[in-house]
C-alpha atoms as a PDB file:
ATOM      1  CA  UNK A   1      17.937  24.152  17.833  1.00  0.00           C
ATOM      2  CA  UNK A   2      18.548  22.468  14.489  1.00  0.00           C
ATOM      3  CA  UNK A   3      17.586  18.790  14.176  1.00  0.00           C
ATOM      4  CA  UNK A   4      20.463  16.487  13.235  1.00  0.00           C
ATOM      5  CA  UNK A   5      19.293  14.566  10.135  1.00  0.00           C
ATOM      6  CA  UNK A   6      21.805  11.835  10.963  1.00  0.00           C
ATOM      7  CA  UNK A   7      20.926  11.453  14.645  1.00  0.00           C
ATOM      8  CA  UNK A   8      19.332   8.001  14.325  1.00  0.00           C
ATOM      9  CA  UNK A   9      22.315   6.763  12.335  1.00  0.00           C
ATOM     10  CA  UNK A  10      24.733   8.167  14.912  1.00  0.00           C
ATOM     11  CA  UNK A  11      22.792   6.444  17.690  1.00  0.00           C
ATOM     12  CA  UNK A  12      22.058   3.075  16.079  1.00  0.00           C
ATOM     13  CA  UNK A  13      24.436   2.801  13.125  1.00  0.00           C
ATOM     14  CA  UNK A  14      23.293   1.280   9.840  1.00  0.00           C
ATOM     15  CA  UNK A  15      20.110  -0.122  11.375  1.00  0.00           C
ATOM     16  CA  UNK A  16      19.176   3.349  12.527  1.00  0.00           C
ATOM     17  CA  UNK A  17      19.031   4.525   8.916  1.00  0.00           C
ATOM     18  CA  UNK A  18      15.995   2.289   8.355  1.00  0.00           C
ATOM     19  CA  UNK A  19      14.046   4.248  10.953  1.00  0.00           C
ATOM     20  CA  UNK A  20      14.065   7.226   8.593  1.00  0.00           C
ATOM     21  CA  UNK A  21      12.123   5.213   6.007  1.00  0.00           C
ATOM     22  CA  UNK A  22       8.890   3.269   5.882  1.00  0.00           C
ATOM     23  CA  UNK A  23       8.492  -0.513   6.056  1.00  0.00           C
ATOM     24  CA  UNK A  24       8.601  -0.864   2.262  1.00  0.00           C
ATOM     25  CA  UNK A  25      12.253   0.213   2.364  1.00  0.00           C
ATOM     26  CA  UNK A  26      13.088  -2.496   4.903  1.00  0.00           C
ATOM     27  CA  UNK A  27      11.287  -5.079   2.736  1.00  0.00           C
ATOM     28  CA  UNK A  28      13.427  -4.166  -0.273  1.00  0.00           C
ATOM     29  CA  UNK A  29      16.594  -4.478   1.795  1.00  0.00           C
ATOM     30  CA  UNK A  30      15.623  -7.977   2.904  1.00  0.00           C
ATOM     31  CA  UNK A  31      15.193  -8.929  -0.767  1.00  0.00           C
ATOM     32  CA  UNK A  32      18.571  -7.412  -1.640  1.00  0.00           C
ATOM     33  CA  UNK A  33      20.377  -8.948   1.318  1.00  0.00           C
ATOM     34  CA  UNK A  34      19.284 -12.453   0.283  1.00  0.00           C
ATOM     35  CA  UNK A  35      21.139 -11.904  -2.980  1.00  0.00           C
ATOM     36  CA  UNK A  36      24.189 -10.126  -1.553  1.00  0.00           C
ATOM     37  CA  UNK A  37      26.195 -12.817   0.214  1.00  0.00           C
ATOM     38  CA  UNK A  38      28.938 -11.614   2.534  1.00  0.00           C
ATOM     39  CA  UNK A  39      32.174 -11.289   0.604  1.00  0.00           C
ATOM     40  CA  UNK A  40      35.871 -10.608   1.036  1.00  0.00           C
ATOM     41  CA  UNK A  41      36.564 -11.015  -2.643  1.00  0.00           C
ATOM     42  CA  UNK A  42      36.368  -7.351  -3.628  1.00  0.00           C
ATOM     43  CA  UNK A  43      33.189  -7.561  -5.718  1.00  0.00           C
ATOM     44  CA  UNK A  44      32.148  -4.220  -7.147  1.00  0.00           C
ATOM     45  CA  UNK A  45      28.591  -2.914  -6.840  1.00  0.00           C
ATOM     46  CA  UNK A  46      26.775   0.035  -8.424  1.00  0.00           C
ATOM     47  CA  UNK A  47      23.545   1.422  -6.963  1.00  0.00           C
ATOM     48  CA  UNK A  48      21.736   3.196  -9.811  1.00  0.00           C
ATOM     49  CA  UNK A  49      19.358   5.677  -8.189  1.00  0.00           C
ATOM     50  CA  UNK A  50      20.688   5.318  -4.639  1.00  0.00           C
ATOM     51  CA  UNK A  51      18.544   7.925  -2.874  1.00  0.00           C
ATOM     52  CA  UNK A  52      20.143   8.676   0.495  1.00  0.00           C
ATOM     53  CA  UNK A  53      22.519   5.733   0.074  1.00  0.00           C
ATOM     54  CA  UNK A  54      20.970   3.188   2.436  1.00  0.00           C
ATOM     55  CA  UNK A  55      21.327   0.142   0.162  1.00  0.00           C
ATOM     56  CA  UNK A  56      24.754   1.265  -1.069  1.00  0.00           C
ATOM     57  CA  UNK A  57      25.959   1.474   2.524  1.00  0.00           C
ATOM     58  CA  UNK A  58      24.353  -1.863   3.364  1.00  0.00           C
ATOM     59  CA  UNK A  59      26.156  -3.523   0.458  1.00  0.00           C
ATOM     60  CA  UNK A  60      29.460  -1.962   1.505  1.00  0.00           C
ATOM     61  CA  UNK A  61      29.013  -3.354   5.019  1.00  0.00           C
ATOM     62  CA  UNK A  62      28.614  -6.791   3.447  1.00  0.00           C
ATOM     63  CA  UNK A  63      32.002  -6.429   1.773  1.00  0.00           C
ATOM     64  CA  UNK A  64      31.215  -4.902  -1.633  1.00  0.00           C
ATOM     65  CA  UNK A  65      33.158  -2.018  -3.157  1.00  0.00           C
ATOM     66  CA  UNK A  66      30.042   0.102  -3.532  1.00  0.00           C
ATOM     67  CA  UNK A  67      29.248   3.190  -5.588  1.00  0.00           C
ATOM     68  CA  UNK A  68      25.878   4.991  -5.429  1.00  0.00           C
ATOM     69  CA  UNK A  69      24.628   7.254  -8.213  1.00  0.00           C
ATOM     70  CA  UNK A  70      21.977   9.965  -7.981  1.00  0.00           C
ATOM     71  CA  UNK A  71      21.342  13.348  -9.572  1.00  0.00           C
ATOM     72  CA  UNK A  72      20.458  14.906  -6.194  1.00  0.00           C
ATOM     73  CA  UNK A  73      23.446  16.663  -4.614  1.00  0.00           C
ATOM     74  CA  UNK A  74      21.784  16.927  -1.184  1.00  0.00           C
ATOM     75  CA  UNK A  75      21.028  13.203  -1.117  1.00  0.00           C
ATOM     76  CA  UNK A  76      24.589  12.399  -2.134  1.00  0.00           C
ATOM     77  CA  UNK A  77      25.975  14.530   0.693  1.00  0.00           C
ATOM     78  CA  UNK A  78      23.633  12.763   3.130  1.00  0.00           C
ATOM     79  CA  UNK A  79      24.749   9.386   1.820  1.00  0.00           C
ATOM     80  CA  UNK A  80      28.448  10.243   2.117  1.00  0.00           C
ATOM     81  CA  UNK A  81      28.033  11.437   5.704  1.00  0.00           C
ATOM     82  CA  UNK A  82      26.086   8.324   6.704  1.00  0.00           C
ATOM     83  CA  UNK A  83      28.644   6.069   5.042  1.00  0.00           C
ATOM     84  CA  UNK A  84      31.341   7.612   7.220  1.00  0.00           C
ATOM     85  CA  UNK A  85      29.196   7.227  10.347  1.00  0.00           C
ATOM     86  CA  UNK A  86      28.499   3.575   9.469  1.00  0.00           C
ATOM     87  CA  UNK A  87      32.172   2.754   9.031  1.00  0.00           C
ATOM     88  CA  UNK A  88      32.388   2.453   5.228  1.00  0.00           C
ATOM     89  CA  UNK A  89      34.126   5.732   4.294  1.00  0.00           C
ATOM     90  CA  UNK A  90      35.461   4.270   1.042  1.00  0.00           C
ATOM     91  CA  UNK A  91      31.956   4.129  -0.409  1.00  0.00           C
ATOM     92  CA  UNK A  92      31.529   6.771  -3.120  1.00  0.00           C
ATOM     93  CA  UNK A  93      28.505   8.780  -4.228  1.00  0.00           C
ATOM     94  CA  UNK A  94      29.094  10.611  -7.525  1.00  0.00           C
ATOM     95  CA  UNK A  95      26.368  12.905  -8.843  1.00  0.00           C
ATOM     96  CA  UNK A  96      24.955  11.512 -12.077  1.00  0.00           C
ATOM     97  CA  UNK A  97      21.856  12.024 -14.220  1.00  0.00           C
ATOM     98  CA  UNK A  98      20.840   8.421 -14.857  1.00  0.00           C
ATOM     99  CA  UNK A  99      19.402   9.314 -18.238  1.00  0.00           C
ATOM    100  CA  UNK A 100      23.015   9.913 -19.338  1.00  0.00           C
ATOM    101  CA  UNK A 101      24.471   6.781 -17.795  1.00  0.00           C
ATOM    102  CA  UNK A 102      25.673   5.608 -21.203  1.00  0.00           C
ATOM    103  CA  UNK A 103      28.086   8.565 -21.338  1.00  0.00           C
ATOM    104  CA  UNK A 104      30.068   7.195 -18.400  1.00  0.00           C
ATOM    105  CA  UNK A 105      32.670   5.078 -20.183  1.00  0.00           C
ATOM    106  CA  UNK A 106      34.458   4.575 -16.853  1.00  0.00           C
ATOM    107  CA  UNK A 107      31.471   2.557 -15.580  1.00  0.00           C
ATOM    108  CA  UNK A 108      31.090   0.186 -18.531  1.00  0.00           C
ATOM    109  CA  UNK A 109      31.454  -3.536 -17.717  1.00  0.00           C
ATOM    110  CA  UNK A 110      32.987  -2.649 -14.357  1.00  0.00           C
ATOM    111  CA  UNK A 111      30.510  -4.048 -11.829  1.00  0.00           C
ATOM    112  CA  UNK A 112      29.702  -7.500 -10.490  1.00  0.00           C
ATOM    113  CA  UNK A 113      26.328  -6.319  -9.158  1.00  0.00           C
ATOM    114  CA  UNK A 114      24.019  -3.433 -10.046  1.00  0.00           C
ATOM    115  CA  UNK A 115      21.083  -2.353  -7.866  1.00  0.00           C
ATOM    116  CA  UNK A 116      18.123  -0.464  -9.308  1.00  0.00           C
ATOM    117  CA  UNK A 117      15.375  -0.026  -6.735  1.00  0.00           C
ATOM    118  CA  UNK A 118      12.192   2.043  -7.122  1.00  0.00           C
ATOM    119  CA  UNK A 119      13.831   4.219  -9.751  1.00  0.00           C
ATOM    120  CA  UNK A 120      12.971   3.093 -13.274  1.00  0.00           C
ATOM    121  CA  UNK A 121       9.291   4.019 -12.867  1.00  0.00           C
ATOM    122  CA  UNK A 122      10.454   7.664 -12.801  1.00  0.00           C
ATOM    123  CA  UNK A 123      12.224   7.388 -16.190  1.00  0.00           C
ATOM    124  CA  UNK A 124      10.349   7.720 -19.476  1.00  0.00           C
ATOM    125  CA  UNK A 125      12.869   5.794 -21.590  1.00  0.00           C
ATOM    126  CA  UNK A 126      13.059   2.681 -19.411  1.00  0.00           C
ATOM    127  CA  UNK A 127      14.382   0.601 -22.309  1.00  0.00           C
ATOM    128  CA  UNK A 128      17.475   2.827 -22.574  1.00  0.00           C
ATOM    129  CA  UNK A 129      18.035   2.829 -18.830  1.00  0.00           C
ATOM    130  CA  UNK A 130      17.903  -0.968 -18.685  1.00  0.00           C
ATOM    131  CA  UNK A 131      20.360  -1.214 -21.593  1.00  0.00           C
ATOM    132  CA  UNK A 132      22.673   1.242 -19.858  1.00  0.00           C
ATOM    133  CA  UNK A 133      22.465  -0.737 -16.611  1.00  0.00           C
ATOM    134  CA  UNK A 134      23.323  -3.928 -18.490  1.00  0.00           C
ATOM    135  CA  UNK A 135      26.269  -2.084 -20.005  1.00  0.00           C
ATOM    136  CA  UNK A 136      27.663  -1.397 -16.515  1.00  0.00           C
ATOM    137  CA  UNK A 137      27.650  -5.102 -15.611  1.00  0.00           C
ATOM    138  CA  UNK A 138      30.609  -7.367 -16.185  1.00  0.00           C
ATOM    139  CA  UNK A 139      29.818 -10.557 -18.101  1.00  0.00           C
ATOM    140  CA  UNK A 140      28.486 -12.847 -15.385  1.00  0.00           C
ATOM    141  CA  UNK A 141      27.234  -9.890 -13.328  1.00  0.00           C
ATOM    142  CA  UNK A 142      23.780  -9.624 -11.712  1.00  0.00           C
ATOM    143  CA  UNK A 143      21.072  -6.988 -11.580  1.00  0.00           C
ATOM    144  CA  UNK A 144      18.955  -6.750  -8.412  1.00  0.00           C
ATOM    145  CA  UNK A 145      15.833  -4.768  -9.262  1.00  0.00           C
ATOM    146  CA  UNK A 146      12.621  -3.571  -7.614  1.00  0.00           C
ATOM    147  CA  UNK A 147       9.794  -1.375  -8.878  1.00  0.00           C
ATOM    148  CA  UNK A 148       6.068  -1.017  -8.164  1.00  0.00           C
ATOM    149  CA  UNK A 149       4.104  -4.112  -9.203  1.00  0.00           C
ATOM    150  CA  UNK A 150       1.525  -3.211 -11.839  1.00  0.00           C
ATOM    151  CA  UNK A 151      -1.190  -5.063  -9.911  1.00  0.00           C
ATOM    152  CA  UNK A 152      -0.464  -3.469  -6.536  1.00  0.00           C
ATOM    153  CA  UNK A 153      -3.152  -2.464  -4.075  1.00  0.00           C
ATOM    154  CA  UNK A 154      -2.990   1.335  -4.035  1.00  0.00           C
ATOM    155  CA  UNK A 155      -1.533   2.910  -0.905  1.00  0.00           C
ATOM    156  CA  UNK A 156      -2.975   6.339  -1.716  1.00  0.00           C
ATOM    157  CA  UNK A 157      -5.063   8.039  -4.386  1.00  0.00           C
ATOM    158  CA  UNK A 158      -1.852   9.012  -6.197  1.00  0.00           C
ATOM    159  CA  UNK A 159      -1.267   5.329  -6.960  1.00  0.00           C
ATOM    160  CA  UNK A 160      -4.276   5.384  -9.308  1.00  0.00           C
ATOM    161  CA  UNK A 161      -2.770   8.133 -11.443  1.00  0.00           C
ATOM    162  CA  UNK A 162      -2.781  10.153 -13.553  1.00  0.00           C
ATOM    163  CA  UNK A 163       0.922   9.487 -13.947  1.00  0.00           C
ATOM    164  CA  UNK A 164       3.279  12.169 -15.119  1.00  0.00           C
ATOM    165  CA  UNK A 165       4.083  12.594 -18.803  1.00  0.00           C
ATOM    166  CA  UNK A 166       7.306  14.417 -17.918  1.00  0.00           C
ATOM    167  CA  UNK A 167      10.257  13.468 -15.730  1.00  0.00           C
ATOM    168  CA  UNK A 168       9.328  15.810 -12.896  1.00  0.00           C
ATOM    169  CA  UNK A 169      10.120  13.460  -9.990  1.00  0.00           C
ATOM    170  CA  UNK A 170       6.820  11.563 -10.050  1.00  0.00           C
ATOM    171  CA  UNK A 171       6.010   8.148 -11.445  1.00  0.00           C
ATOM    172  CA  UNK A 172       5.663   8.102 -15.213  1.00  0.00           C
ATOM    173  CA  UNK A 173       3.983   4.663 -15.238  1.00  0.00           C
ATOM    174  CA  UNK A 174       1.976   2.549 -12.817  1.00  0.00           C
ATOM    175  CA  UNK A 175       4.537  -0.223 -12.509  1.00  0.00           C
ATOM    176  CA  UNK A 176       5.705  -3.475 -14.092  1.00  0.00           C
ATOM    177  CA  UNK A 177       4.444  -6.963 -14.806  1.00  0.00           C
ATOM    178  CA  UNK A 178       6.646  -9.992 -15.348  1.00  0.00           C
ATOM    179  CA  UNK A 179       5.980  -9.657 -19.093  1.00  0.00           C
ATOM    180  CA  UNK A 180       7.226  -6.075 -19.097  1.00  0.00           C
ATOM    181  CA  UNK A 181      10.374  -7.079 -17.218  1.00  0.00           C
ATOM    182  CA  UNK A 182      10.958  -9.956 -19.618  1.00  0.00           C
ATOM    183  CA  UNK A 183      10.670  -7.508 -22.517  1.00  0.00           C
ATOM    184  CA  UNK A 184      13.213  -5.116 -20.981  1.00  0.00           C
ATOM    185  CA  UNK A 185      15.634  -7.950 -20.241  1.00  0.00           C
ATOM    186  CA  UNK A 186      15.259  -9.395 -23.731  1.00  0.00           C
ATOM    187  CA  UNK A 187      16.171  -6.032 -25.253  1.00  0.00           C
ATOM    188  CA  UNK A 188      19.139  -5.484 -22.944  1.00  0.00           C
ATOM    189  CA  UNK A 189      20.589  -9.012 -23.141  1.00  0.00           C
ATOM    190  CA  UNK A 190      19.872  -9.987 -19.522  1.00  0.00           C
ATOM    191  CA  UNK A 191      18.599 -13.406 -18.417  1.00  0.00           C
ATOM    192  CA  UNK A 192      15.978 -13.507 -15.673  1.00  0.00           C
ATOM    193  CA  UNK A 193      16.853 -15.735 -12.727  1.00  0.00           C
ATOM    194  CA  UNK A 194      14.030 -14.895 -10.335  1.00  0.00           C
ATOM    195  CA  UNK A 195      10.907 -12.740 -10.091  1.00  0.00           C
ATOM    196  CA  UNK A 196       9.034 -12.335  -6.805  1.00  0.00           C
ATOM    197  CA  UNK A 197       7.208  -9.569  -4.955  1.00  0.00           C
ATOM    198  CA  UNK A 198       7.844  -7.910  -1.612  1.00  0.00           C
ATOM    199  CA  UNK A 199       5.957  -5.665   0.832  1.00  0.00           C
ATOM    200  CA  UNK A 200       2.804  -7.554   1.704  1.00  0.00           C
ATOM    201  CA  UNK A 201      -0.458  -6.555   3.357  1.00  0.00           C
ATOM    202  CA  UNK A 202       0.830  -5.570   6.812  1.00  0.00           C
ATOM    203  CA  UNK A 203       3.816  -3.688   5.419  1.00  0.00           C
ATOM    204  CA  UNK A 204       1.472  -1.706   3.201  1.00  0.00           C
ATOM    205  CA  UNK A 205      -0.827  -0.862   6.114  1.00  0.00           C
ATOM    206  CA  UNK A 206       2.071   0.301   8.282  1.00  0.00           C
ATOM    207  CA  UNK A 207       3.335   2.375   5.355  1.00  0.00           C
ATOM    208  CA  UNK A 208      -0.041   4.123   5.186  1.00  0.00           C
ATOM    209  CA  UNK A 209       0.338   5.097   8.851  1.00  0.00           C
ATOM    210  CA  UNK A 210       3.843   6.385   8.124  1.00  0.00           C
ATOM    211  CA  UNK A 211       2.533   8.614   5.331  1.00  0.00           C
ATOM    212  CA  UNK A 212      -0.377   9.820   7.427  1.00  0.00           C
ATOM    213  CA  UNK A 213       1.922  11.323  10.069  1.00  0.00           C
ATOM    214  CA  UNK A 214       4.211  12.957   7.488  1.00  0.00           C
ATOM    215  CA  UNK A 215       7.488  14.040   9.132  1.00  0.00           C
ATOM    216  CA  UNK A 216       6.728  12.178  12.365  1.00  0.00           C
ATOM    217  CA  UNK A 217       5.762   8.977  10.576  1.00  0.00           C
ATOM    218  CA  UNK A 218       8.997   7.194  11.496  1.00  0.00           C
ATOM    219  CA  UNK A 219       8.167   7.661  15.160  1.00  0.00           C
ATOM    220  CA  UNK A 220       4.499   6.656  14.813  1.00  0.00           C
ATOM    221  CA  UNK A 221       5.305   3.274  13.242  1.00  0.00           C
ATOM    222  CA  UNK A 222       8.054   2.130  15.626  1.00  0.00           C
ATOM    223  CA  UNK A 223       5.591  -0.070  17.619  1.00  0.00           C
ATOM    224  CA  UNK A 224       4.250  -1.537  14.343  1.00  0.00           C
ATOM    225  CA  UNK A 225       7.470  -2.462  12.549  1.00  0.00           C
ATOM    226  CA  UNK A 226       7.432  -6.060  13.815  1.00  0.00           C
ATOM    227  CA  UNK A 227       4.105  -6.879  12.117  1.00  0.00           C
ATOM    228  CA  UNK A 228       5.245  -7.198   8.463  1.00  0.00           C
ATOM    229  CA  UNK A 229       8.153  -9.474   9.320  1.00  0.00           C
ATOM    230  CA  UNK A 230       5.949 -11.745  11.394  1.00  0.00           C
ATOM    231  CA  UNK A 231       2.886 -12.023   9.157  1.00  0.00           C
ATOM    232  CA  UNK A 232       3.559 -10.993   5.548  1.00  0.00           C
ATOM    233  CA  UNK A 233       5.724 -13.908   4.471  1.00  0.00           C
ATOM    234  CA  UNK A 234       2.946 -16.274   5.544  1.00  0.00           C
ATOM    235  CA  UNK A 235       0.148 -14.305   3.878  1.00  0.00           C
ATOM    236  CA  UNK A 236       2.045 -13.993   0.590  1.00  0.00           C
ATOM    237  CA  UNK A 237       2.264 -17.772   0.375  1.00  0.00           C
ATOM    238  CA  UNK A 238      -1.511 -17.726   0.017  1.00  0.00           C
ATOM    239  CA  UNK A 239      -1.371 -15.439  -2.997  1.00  0.00           C
ATOM    240  CA  UNK A 240      -1.667 -11.984  -1.416  1.00  0.00           C
ATOM    241  CA  UNK A 241       0.368  -9.761  -3.696  1.00  0.00           C
ATOM    242  CA  UNK A 242       3.179  -7.439  -2.676  1.00  0.00           C
ATOM    243  CA  UNK A 243       3.511  -3.793  -3.535  1.00  0.00           C
ATOM    244  CA  UNK A 244       6.830  -4.130  -5.391  1.00  0.00           C
ATOM    245  CA  UNK A 245       7.971  -6.594  -8.021  1.00  0.00           C
ATOM    246  CA  UNK A 246      11.520  -7.882  -7.438  1.00  0.00           C
ATOM    247  CA  UNK A 247      13.851  -9.377 -10.027  1.00  0.00           C
ATOM    248  CA  UNK A 248      17.274 -10.954 -10.210  1.00  0.00           C
ATOM    249  CA  UNK A 249      18.755 -10.903 -13.728  1.00  0.00           C
ATOM    250  CA  UNK A 250      22.075 -12.171 -15.040  1.00  0.00           C
ATOM    251  CA  UNK A 251      24.380 -10.926 -17.799  1.00  0.00           C
ATOM    252  CA  UNK A 252      25.595 -13.992 -19.728  1.00  0.00           C
ATOM    253  CA  UNK A 253      29.293 -14.737 -19.392  1.00  0.00           C
ATOM    254  CA  UNK A 254      29.572 -16.120 -22.905  1.00  0.00           C
ATOM    255  CA  UNK A 255      27.636 -13.595 -24.969  1.00  0.00           C
ATOM    256  CA  UNK A 256      24.386 -15.506 -25.526  1.00  0.00           C
ATOM    257  CA  UNK A 257      22.448 -14.511 -28.629  1.00  0.00           C
ATOM    258  CA  UNK A 258      19.211 -12.511 -28.432  1.00  0.00           C
ATOM    259  CA  UNK A 259      17.175 -15.622 -29.264  1.00  0.00           C
ATOM    260  CA  UNK A 260      18.870 -17.601 -26.475  1.00  0.00           C
ATOM    261  CA  UNK A 261      18.152 -14.822 -23.970  1.00  0.00           C
ATOM    262  CA  UNK A 262      14.493 -14.650 -25.044  1.00  0.00           C
ATOM    263  CA  UNK A 263      14.108 -18.421 -24.755  1.00  0.00           C
ATOM    264  CA  UNK A 264      15.643 -18.435 -21.281  1.00  0.00           C
ATOM    265  CA  UNK A 265      13.481 -15.548 -20.115  1.00  0.00           C
ATOM    266  CA  UNK A 266      10.288 -17.102 -21.434  1.00  0.00           C
ATOM    267  CA  UNK A 267      10.949 -20.158 -19.276  1.00  0.00           C
ATOM    268  CA  UNK A 268      11.138 -18.062 -16.095  1.00  0.00           C
ATOM    269  CA  UNK A 269       7.416 -17.378 -15.930  1.00  0.00           C
ATOM    270  CA  UNK A 270       6.866 -20.788 -14.352  1.00  0.00           C
ATOM    271  CA  UNK A 271       9.102 -19.932 -11.382  1.00  0.00           C
ATOM    272  CA  UNK A 272       7.651 -16.501 -10.626  1.00  0.00           C
ATOM    273  CA  UNK A 273       6.147 -16.377  -7.150  1.00  0.00           C
ATOM    274  CA  UNK A 274       3.627 -13.613  -7.906  1.00  0.00           C
END
């Protein structure tokens, strides 16, 4: 008997899709959801590196006209099927190598929001990718971004490196600091609005359990999923760092100069909760 990869989604809808992932995925969605207000205004959203489409589908359910990009045909088929199950069949999932995003003239300055979550650390030329992402935003659009925090507590020995020198699916760098994000935004003309972290101590511990049980990890952590939501927000107020760094950046409506963008971004370090 063949296991239905969409069974949890069929049973529980959009929320069921989270059961396929670890607690870090749920943490990222909570960050994204805070910055994706419900809308009936037809805002367009692009998920650059959408994986199996969870965040793309979540955005569509909040009213966004959502498109998810990935190079992986199998993931895109999974995402399209789950979008139909979740009641957002209009959500699209084109196959796209993100390293060639600049070749997609049909995507330029088209989107009100772009998501880029746990993707850029797999790309060697992160400067180009960030420029290409900025190019997809309309003036006044926002980038919602997450990536491993450079100062994370390692979840496994792989988190110590060595990191790949080729784009073979692994991480090509440890992660990002606020200075590195400021540099990327300066070069791409984006203004930083907020930098925080997500996935605190308990979420990281539950994630370790998930990885330990491999394919059955989703089942093993069901009794533990409540712990991060209850405790991590409190612990992070006392300076315990999260695993991922999270950023909201804005594309100026009025074409601010490079020096204006750099000045604005330099001021954001005082508001970073990391």
